[in-house]
Amino acid sequence: MNEAGKAKKSNTIVRGIGSGILLSFIVLLSALYVLYSYKLLDVPETWPLRIRAGLTVLTVSVAVGALYGLYRSLQIKIQYDRLQDTLLLWEKGNPARPVGPLGGEMEVLAGQLERIGKKWEEQVSSLQRLSTHNAQLAEQARVSAIVEERQRLARELHDAVSQQLFAISMTATAVGRTFEKDLSRARRQVELIEEMASVAQSEMRALLLHLRPVYLEGKPLYQGLSELVREIQAKGQMEITLNMDAGLELVKGIENHLFRIVQEALSNTLRHAKADKMEIMIVRRNDSLRMSLKDNGVGFELDDKKQSSYGLSLMQERVSEIGGSIRYITAPGKGTRIELTVPLVNGGQRGSEE
């Protein structure tokens, strides 16, 4: 118990003794007045006797009042201590013991506290059950996301790589038949095999990119993107330039979505764009974030069919989830540029979510 609490309890006892003495003094004066009024009070004849009798009566009255005040204040102090112990247990997050009978007006307060304690324990139990349920849902969502990603990769392997490998196998068989009959045709078939193998290799590299960690796993966006860029460049797949302030740290939700958008854009570029250069630029402009992804690939004709493709629609969904907007600028032979704008509500910094 701190010093302030001890001082308050000492003051309670002092006030109780003082109140008892005052009450006893008032009762004494009232009794003397009534006795004197009805001439039932035998007043000593001499002043020394009167003073001695008065002091005796006053001393007894003060002593009785002090004892009564001390008794009452100790009772209140015990009741106060029991209530305070219960409240301290609640404050520390521990289940409170029953207050028990206190007597008097405190009995009603004790009953109310016990009812509040039962409701508090029920709410804590409900929150713990909800927390467990949320953890189970999060685990189920994680497993579902893994299964969905595996299914998507399986579809991509079947639709792209598997078919191209089958075409390479069929063309290679045809080369064996035409090599001696038509050498120029066999040469064209070999060139076709090289081209299809290159495309299949690009497809595999793009799919392997999706096997990287889906989220940043606690890393800042700049660190995660830097590692991703270094990994791609180390394999000689593409020259990538990352322009971003290393000190720019956003809330986790925005960072994870931006990371996944860059990952998806790189995958599309590796698979379809035939680009050897790409520039990633992320800057903050007042209360918004601007991101630009630009490559020097073959580009494409932007129409509803292309815009509804899996990769572009996935990026659109992720941008929408963080309240942003996305724009595609492309044309055949002109490369592709993707521009994003994300509003930063309440600063968008990591500290604003704590």
Protein backbone atom coordinates (compact mmCIF):
# COMPACT_ATOMS: atom_id res chain seq x y z
CA MET A 1 0.00 0.00 0.00
CA ASN A 2 1.33 3.42 -0.89
CA GLU A 3 1.84 6.32 1.52
CA ALA A 4 -1.18 8.22 0.18
CA GLY A 5 -3.47 5.30 1.04
CA LYS A 6 -2.06 5.03 4.57
CA ALA A 7 -2.50 8.76 5.11
CA LYS A 8 -6.14 8.62 3.99
CA LYS A 9 -6.89 5.75 6.38
CA SER A 10 -5.18 7.59 9.28
CA ASN A 11 -7.26 10.65 8.50
CA THR A 12 -10.40 8.48 8.53
CA ILE A 13 -9.60 7.29 12.07
CA VAL A 14 -8.80 10.80 13.29
CA ARG A 15 -12.03 12.15 11.80
CA GLY A 16 -13.98 9.26 13.35
CA ILE A 17 -12.55 9.98 16.83
CA GLY A 18 -13.25 13.67 16.41
CA SER A 19 -16.83 13.00 15.33
CA GLY A 20 -17.34 10.66 18.31
CA ILE A 21 -16.02 13.26 20.76
CA LEU A 22 -18.21 15.98 19.23
CA LEU A 23 -21.28 13.73 19.38
CA SER A 24 -20.54 12.81 23.00
CA PHE A 25 -20.08 16.48 23.92
CA ILE A 26 -23.40 17.42 22.30
CA VAL A 27 -25.18 14.58 24.11
CA LEU A 28 -23.61 15.67 27.40
CA LEU A 29 -24.70 19.29 27.01
CA SER A 30 -28.20 18.19 26.04
CA ALA A 31 -28.43 15.91 29.09
CA LEU A 32 -27.16 18.61 31.47
CA TYR A 33 -29.64 21.12 30.05
CA VAL A 34 -32.59 18.72 30.50
CA LEU A 35 -31.54 17.80 34.04
CA TYR A 36 -31.00 21.43 34.98
CA SER A 37 -34.35 22.45 33.48
CA TYR A 38 -36.26 19.89 35.52
CA LYS A 39 -34.17 20.70 38.63
CA LEU A 40 -32.81 17.16 38.72
CA LEU A 41 -29.19 18.27 38.67
CA ASP A 42 -27.48 18.60 42.04
CA VAL A 43 -24.97 21.39 41.55
CA PRO A 44 -22.11 21.51 44.09
CA GLU A 45 -22.15 24.59 46.30
CA THR A 46 -18.52 25.60 45.91
CA TRP A 47 -16.71 26.44 42.69
CA PRO A 48 -13.81 24.07 43.27
CA LEU A 49 -16.26 21.17 43.50
CA ARG A 50 -18.15 22.42 40.45
CA ILE A 51 -14.94 22.63 38.40
CA ARG A 52 -13.80 19.19 39.55
CA ALA A 53 -17.19 17.63 38.77
CA GLY A 54 -17.29 19.37 35.36
CA LEU A 55 -13.83 18.16 34.40
CA THR A 56 -14.68 14.61 35.47
CA VAL A 57 -17.86 14.56 33.42
CA LEU A 58 -16.09 16.19 30.46
CA THR A 59 -13.20 13.66 30.63
CA VAL A 60 -15.58 10.72 30.76
CA SER A 61 -17.58 12.19 27.88
CA VAL A 62 -14.47 12.74 25.74
CA ALA A 63 -13.19 9.23 26.52
CA VAL A 64 -16.52 7.60 25.65
CA GLY A 65 -16.82 9.68 22.48
CA ALA A 66 -13.24 8.87 21.42
CA LEU A 67 -13.76 5.14 21.99
CA TYR A 68 -17.05 5.18 20.09
CA GLY A 69 -15.49 7.15 17.24
CA LEU A 70 -12.50 4.80 17.12
CA TYR A 71 -14.79 1.74 17.03
CA ARG A 72 -16.90 3.16 14.20
CA SER A 73 -13.91 4.36 12.18
CA LEU A 74 -12.20 0.96 12.53
CA GLN A 75 -15.37 -0.70 11.28
CA ILE A 76 -15.47 1.63 8.29
CA LYS A 77 -11.75 1.10 7.72
CA ILE A 78 -12.18 -2.70 7.62
CA GLN A 79 -15.07 -2.37 5.18
CA TYR A 80 -13.06 0.08 3.08
CA ASP A 81 -10.03 -2.26 3.04
CA ARG A 82 -12.12 -5.19 1.82
CA LEU A 83 -13.68 -3.11 -0.95
CA GLN A 84 -10.30 -1.69 -1.93
CA ASP A 85 -8.72 -5.17 -2.08
CA THR A 86 -11.48 -6.28 -4.44
CA LEU A 87 -11.02 -3.26 -6.69
CA LEU A 88 -7.23 -3.71 -6.73
CA LEU A 89 -7.65 -7.31 -7.87
CA TRP A 90 -9.85 -6.11 -10.74
CA GLU A 91 -7.37 -3.38 -11.60
CA LYS A 92 -4.56 -5.96 -11.88
CA GLY A 93 -6.72 -8.23 -14.04
CA ASN A 94 -7.26 -10.92 -11.38
CA PRO A 95 -10.62 -12.48 -10.50
CA ALA A 96 -11.89 -10.80 -7.35
CA ARG A 97 -12.77 -12.73 -4.19
CA PRO A 98 -16.31 -12.39 -2.82
CA VAL A 99 -16.55 -9.27 -0.67
CA GLY A 100 -18.73 -11.01 1.92
CA PRO A 101 -21.13 -9.39 4.36
CA LEU A 102 -20.18 -5.85 5.38
CA GLY A 103 -23.30 -4.72 7.20
CA GLY A 104 -25.15 -1.43 7.04
CA GLU A 105 -25.12 0.71 3.93
CA MET A 106 -21.93 -1.02 2.78
CA GLU A 107 -23.89 -4.25 2.30
CA VAL A 108 -25.72 -2.80 -0.72
CA LEU A 109 -22.43 -1.60 -2.22
CA ALA A 110 -20.84 -5.01 -1.63
CA GLY A 111 -23.73 -6.70 -3.46
CA GLN A 112 -23.36 -4.35 -6.41
CA LEU A 113 -19.61 -4.98 -6.58
CA GLU A 114 -20.13 -8.75 -6.55
CA ARG A 115 -22.63 -8.48 -9.41
CA ILE A 116 -20.19 -6.26 -11.34
CA GLY A 117 -17.42 -8.78 -10.66
CA LYS A 118 -19.50 -11.64 -12.08
CA LYS A 119 -20.27 -9.62 -15.21
CA TRP A 120 -16.58 -8.70 -15.55
CA GLU A 121 -15.54 -12.36 -15.33
CA GLU A 122 -18.20 -13.31 -17.91
CA GLN A 123 -16.94 -10.61 -20.27
CA VAL A 124 -13.31 -11.70 -19.83
CA SER A 125 -14.30 -15.30 -20.51
CA SER A 126 -16.22 -14.18 -23.60
CA LEU A 127 -13.24 -12.15 -24.86
CA GLN A 128 -10.91 -15.11 -24.36
CA ARG A 129 -13.27 -17.39 -26.28
CA LEU A 130 -13.49 -14.76 -29.03
CA SER A 131 -9.70 -14.46 -29.14
CA THR A 132 -9.36 -18.23 -29.49
CA HIS A 133 -11.99 -18.24 -32.22
CA ASN A 134 -10.22 -15.43 -34.06
CA ALA A 135 -6.92 -17.30 -33.87
CA GLN A 136 -8.61 -20.39 -35.31
CA LEU A 137 -10.16 -18.32 -38.11
CA ALA A 138 -6.78 -16.72 -38.87
CA GLU A 139 -5.16 -20.15 -39.08
CA GLN A 140 -7.96 -21.42 -41.33
CA ALA A 141 -7.60 -18.34 -43.55
CA ARG A 142 -3.84 -18.90 -43.77
CA VAL A 143 -4.31 -22.54 -44.73
CA SER A 144 -7.00 -21.57 -47.27
CA ALA A 145 -4.68 -18.97 -48.79
CA ILE A 146 -1.90 -21.56 -49.11
CA VAL A 147 -4.26 -24.06 -50.75
CA GLU A 148 -5.61 -21.41 -53.12
CA GLU A 149 -2.09 -20.31 -54.08
CA ARG A 150 -1.05 -23.92 -54.72
CA GLN A 151 -4.12 -24.47 -56.88
CA ARG A 152 -3.38 -21.32 -58.85
CA LEU A 153 0.24 -22.35 -59.41
CA ALA A 154 -0.95 -25.79 -60.50
CA ARG A 155 -3.30 -24.19 -63.05
CA GLU A 156 -0.52 -21.92 -64.28
CA LEU A 157 1.86 -24.88 -64.67
CA HIS A 158 -0.75 -26.85 -66.57
CA ASP A 159 -1.94 -24.01 -68.78
CA ALA A 160 1.47 -22.57 -69.66
CA VAL A 161 4.59 -24.57 -68.88
CA SER A 162 3.11 -28.04 -69.30
CA GLN A 163 1.66 -27.21 -72.71
CA GLN A 164 4.88 -25.58 -73.88
CA LEU A 165 6.95 -28.57 -72.76
CA PHE A 166 4.56 -30.84 -74.65
CA ALA A 167 4.96 -28.64 -77.76
CA ILE A 168 8.75 -28.77 -77.39
CA SER A 169 8.59 -32.57 -77.13
CA MET A 170 6.40 -32.86 -80.24
CA THR A 171 8.63 -30.46 -82.23
CA ALA A 172 11.77 -32.31 -81.15
CA THR A 173 10.21 -35.55 -82.41
CA ALA A 174 9.41 -33.86 -85.70
CA VAL A 175 13.03 -32.68 -86.02
CA GLY A 176 14.19 -36.30 -85.88
CA ARG A 177 11.93 -37.16 -88.79
CA THR A 178 12.74 -34.16 -91.02
CA PHE A 179 16.47 -33.80 -90.27
CA GLU A 180 17.60 -36.01 -93.16
CA LYS A 181 14.76 -35.08 -95.56
CA ASP A 182 14.60 -31.28 -95.21
CA LEU A 183 17.55 -29.69 -93.38
CA SER A 184 16.24 -26.10 -93.61
CA ARG A 185 12.90 -27.12 -92.13
CA ALA A 186 14.68 -29.00 -89.37
CA ARG A 187 16.72 -25.87 -88.64
CA ARG A 188 13.53 -23.80 -88.32
CA GLN A 189 12.09 -26.40 -85.99
CA VAL A 190 15.19 -26.23 -83.80
CA GLU A 191 14.87 -22.44 -83.66
CA LEU A 192 11.22 -22.88 -82.67
CA ILE A 193 12.27 -25.26 -79.90
CA GLU A 194 14.78 -22.66 -78.61
CA GLU A 195 12.07 -19.98 -78.63
CA MET A 196 9.54 -22.19 -76.85
CA ALA A 197 12.18 -23.23 -74.27
CA SER A 198 12.94 -19.56 -73.61
CA VAL A 199 9.25 -18.82 -73.10
CA ALA A 200 8.87 -21.83 -70.80
CA GLN A 201 11.89 -20.68 -68.82
CA SER A 202 10.37 -17.22 -68.40
CA GLU A 203 7.11 -18.81 -67.25
CA MET A 204 8.94 -20.92 -64.68
CA ARG A 205 10.88 -17.94 -63.38
CA ALA A 206 7.67 -16.00 -62.96
CA LEU A 207 6.02 -18.89 -61.13
CA LEU A 208 9.05 -19.33 -58.88
CA LEU A 209 8.69 -15.66 -58.00
CA HIS A 210 5.31 -16.50 -56.45
CA LEU A 211 6.95 -19.10 -54.22
CA ARG A 212 8.74 -16.33 -52.32
CA PRO A 213 7.21 -15.16 -49.01
CA VAL A 214 3.74 -13.80 -49.72
CA TYR A 215 4.08 -10.96 -47.21
CA LEU A 216 6.90 -8.88 -45.82
CA GLU A 217 7.07 -10.92 -42.58
CA GLY A 218 7.74 -7.88 -40.39
CA LYS A 219 10.26 -6.24 -42.73
CA PRO A 220 9.84 -2.63 -43.93
CA LEU A 221 8.66 -2.26 -47.52
CA TYR A 222 12.02 -0.89 -48.72
CA GLN A 223 13.93 -3.87 -47.31
CA GLY A 224 11.51 -6.40 -48.78
CA LEU A 225 11.58 -4.80 -52.23
CA SER A 226 15.36 -4.46 -52.17
CA GLU A 227 15.77 -8.18 -51.43
CA LEU A 228 13.29 -9.05 -54.20
CA VAL A 229 15.14 -6.85 -56.73
CA ARG A 230 18.54 -8.30 -55.76
CA GLU A 231 17.23 -11.85 -56.14
CA ILE A 232 15.89 -11.22 -59.66
CA GLN A 233 19.00 -9.36 -60.77
CA ALA A 234 21.28 -12.07 -59.38
CA LYS A 235 19.64 -14.52 -61.78
CA GLY A 236 20.22 -12.13 -64.66
CA GLN A 237 16.53 -12.01 -65.50
CA MET A 238 16.10 -8.26 -65.69
CA GLU A 239 17.76 -4.97 -64.77
CA ILE A 240 15.58 -3.33 -62.11
CA THR A 241 15.94 0.15 -60.62
CA LEU A 242 14.30 0.85 -57.26
CA ASN A 243 13.77 4.51 -56.35
CA MET A 244 12.34 4.78 -52.86
CA ASP A 245 13.16 6.58 -49.64
CA ALA A 246 14.60 3.95 -47.29
CA GLY A 247 13.10 5.78 -44.31
CA LEU A 248 9.54 5.64 -45.65
CA GLU A 249 7.62 3.29 -43.36
CA LEU A 250 3.89 2.85 -43.85
CA VAL A 251 1.24 0.94 -41.94
CA LYS A 252 1.56 -2.82 -42.35
CA GLY A 253 -1.61 -3.25 -44.40
CA ILE A 254 -0.47 -0.78 -47.07
CA GLU A 255 3.08 -2.18 -47.17
CA ASN A 256 1.92 -5.77 -47.61
CA HIS A 257 -0.45 -4.86 -50.43
CA LEU A 258 2.14 -2.75 -52.23
CA PHE A 259 4.68 -5.56 -51.95
CA ARG A 260 2.24 -8.05 -53.47
CA ILE A 261 1.36 -5.61 -56.29
CA VAL A 262 5.05 -5.21 -57.18
CA GLN A 263 5.48 -8.99 -57.03
CA GLU A 264 2.53 -9.51 -59.38
CA ALA A 265 3.77 -6.79 -61.78
CA LEU A 266 7.23 -8.38 -61.92
CA SER A 267 5.68 -11.78 -62.58
CA ASN A 268 3.61 -10.40 -65.48
CA THR A 269 6.65 -8.61 -66.91
CA LEU A 270 8.84 -11.73 -66.74
CA ARG A 271 6.18 -13.88 -68.39
CA HIS A 272 4.75 -11.64 -71.08
CA ALA A 273 6.62 -8.35 -71.56
CA LYS A 274 9.98 -9.67 -72.83
CA ALA A 275 11.53 -6.67 -71.07
CA ASP A 276 15.11 -6.34 -69.90
CA LYS A 277 14.63 -3.18 -67.83
CA MET A 278 12.14 -2.10 -65.21
CA GLU A 279 11.90 0.95 -62.96
CA ILE A 280 10.07 0.98 -59.62
CA MET A 281 9.46 4.37 -58.06
CA ILE A 282 7.67 4.98 -54.75
CA VAL A 283 7.37 8.51 -53.38
CA ARG A 284 5.20 10.35 -50.91
CA ARG A 285 3.33 13.44 -52.02
CA ASN A 286 1.78 15.23 -49.02
CA ASP A 287 -1.08 12.97 -47.87
CA SER A 288 -0.80 10.37 -50.61
CA LEU A 289 1.63 7.76 -51.88
CA ARG A 290 2.55 7.44 -55.55
CA MET A 291 3.99 4.27 -57.07
CA SER A 292 5.09 3.81 -60.68
CA LEU A 293 6.12 0.52 -62.34
CA LYS A 294 7.60 0.97 -65.83
CA ASP A 295 9.17 -1.59 -68.19
CA ASN A 296 10.52 -1.46 -71.76
CA GLY A 297 8.72 -4.58 -72.92
CA VAL A 298 6.48 -5.28 -75.86
CA GLY A 299 3.41 -3.74 -74.25
CA PHE A 300 -0.10 -4.80 -75.23
CA GLU A 301 -3.41 -3.51 -76.49
CA LEU A 302 -5.32 -2.40 -73.40
CA ASP A 303 -8.89 -3.63 -73.65
CA ASP A 304 -11.52 -5.08 -71.35
CA LYS A 305 -10.26 -8.61 -71.87
CA LYS A 306 -6.70 -7.72 -70.92
CA GLN A 307 -7.78 -5.57 -67.97
CA SER A 308 -9.88 -8.42 -66.58
CA SER A 309 -6.99 -10.89 -66.74
CA TYR A 310 -5.96 -12.52 -63.47
CA GLY A 311 -2.83 -10.48 -62.79
CA LEU A 312 -4.31 -7.06 -63.55
CA SER A 313 -7.57 -7.78 -61.75
CA LEU A 314 -5.65 -9.00 -58.69
CA MET A 315 -3.66 -5.75 -58.58
CA GLN A 316 -6.91 -3.78 -58.95
CA GLU A 317 -8.46 -5.65 -56.01
CA ARG A 318 -5.44 -5.02 -53.78
CA VAL A 319 -5.39 -1.32 -54.61
CA SER A 320 -9.12 -1.06 -53.87
CA GLU A 321 -8.65 -2.74 -50.47
CA ILE A 322 -6.35 0.11 -49.36
CA GLY A 323 -8.56 2.82 -50.87
CA GLY A 324 -6.28 3.66 -53.78
CA SER A 325 -6.53 3.89 -57.55
CA ILE A 326 -4.55 2.29 -60.38
CA ARG A 327 -3.96 3.21 -64.02
CA TYR A 328 -2.39 1.24 -66.86
CA ILE A 329 -0.56 3.05 -69.67
CA THR A 330 0.56 0.78 -72.50
CA ALA A 331 0.51 0.15 -76.23
CA PRO A 332 2.02 -2.51 -78.51
CA GLY A 333 5.77 -1.95 -78.74
CA LYS A 334 5.69 0.94 -76.24
CA GLY A 335 6.28 -0.87 -72.95
CA THR A 336 3.96 -0.72 -69.94
CA ARG A 337 3.60 1.75 -67.07
CA ILE A 338 1.43 1.12 -64.02
CA GLU A 339 0.66 4.10 -61.79
CA LEU A 340 -0.87 3.83 -58.32
CA THR A 341 -2.11 6.47 -55.90
CA VAL A 342 -2.88 5.55 -52.28
CA PRO A 343 -4.26 8.08 -49.77
CA LEU A 344 -2.47 8.17 -46.41
CA VAL A 345 -5.16 8.73 -43.79
CA ASN A 346 -3.85 10.05 -40.43
CA GLY A 347 -0.35 10.21 -41.87
CA GLY A 348 -0.24 6.54 -42.89
CA GLN A 349 2.88 6.05 -40.76
CA ARG A 350 3.45 2.96 -38.66
CA GLY A 351 3.11 4.95 -35.45
CA SER A 352 -0.44 5.96 -36.33
CA GLU A 353 -1.70 2.37 -36.03
CA GLU A 354 -0.30 1.81 -32.54
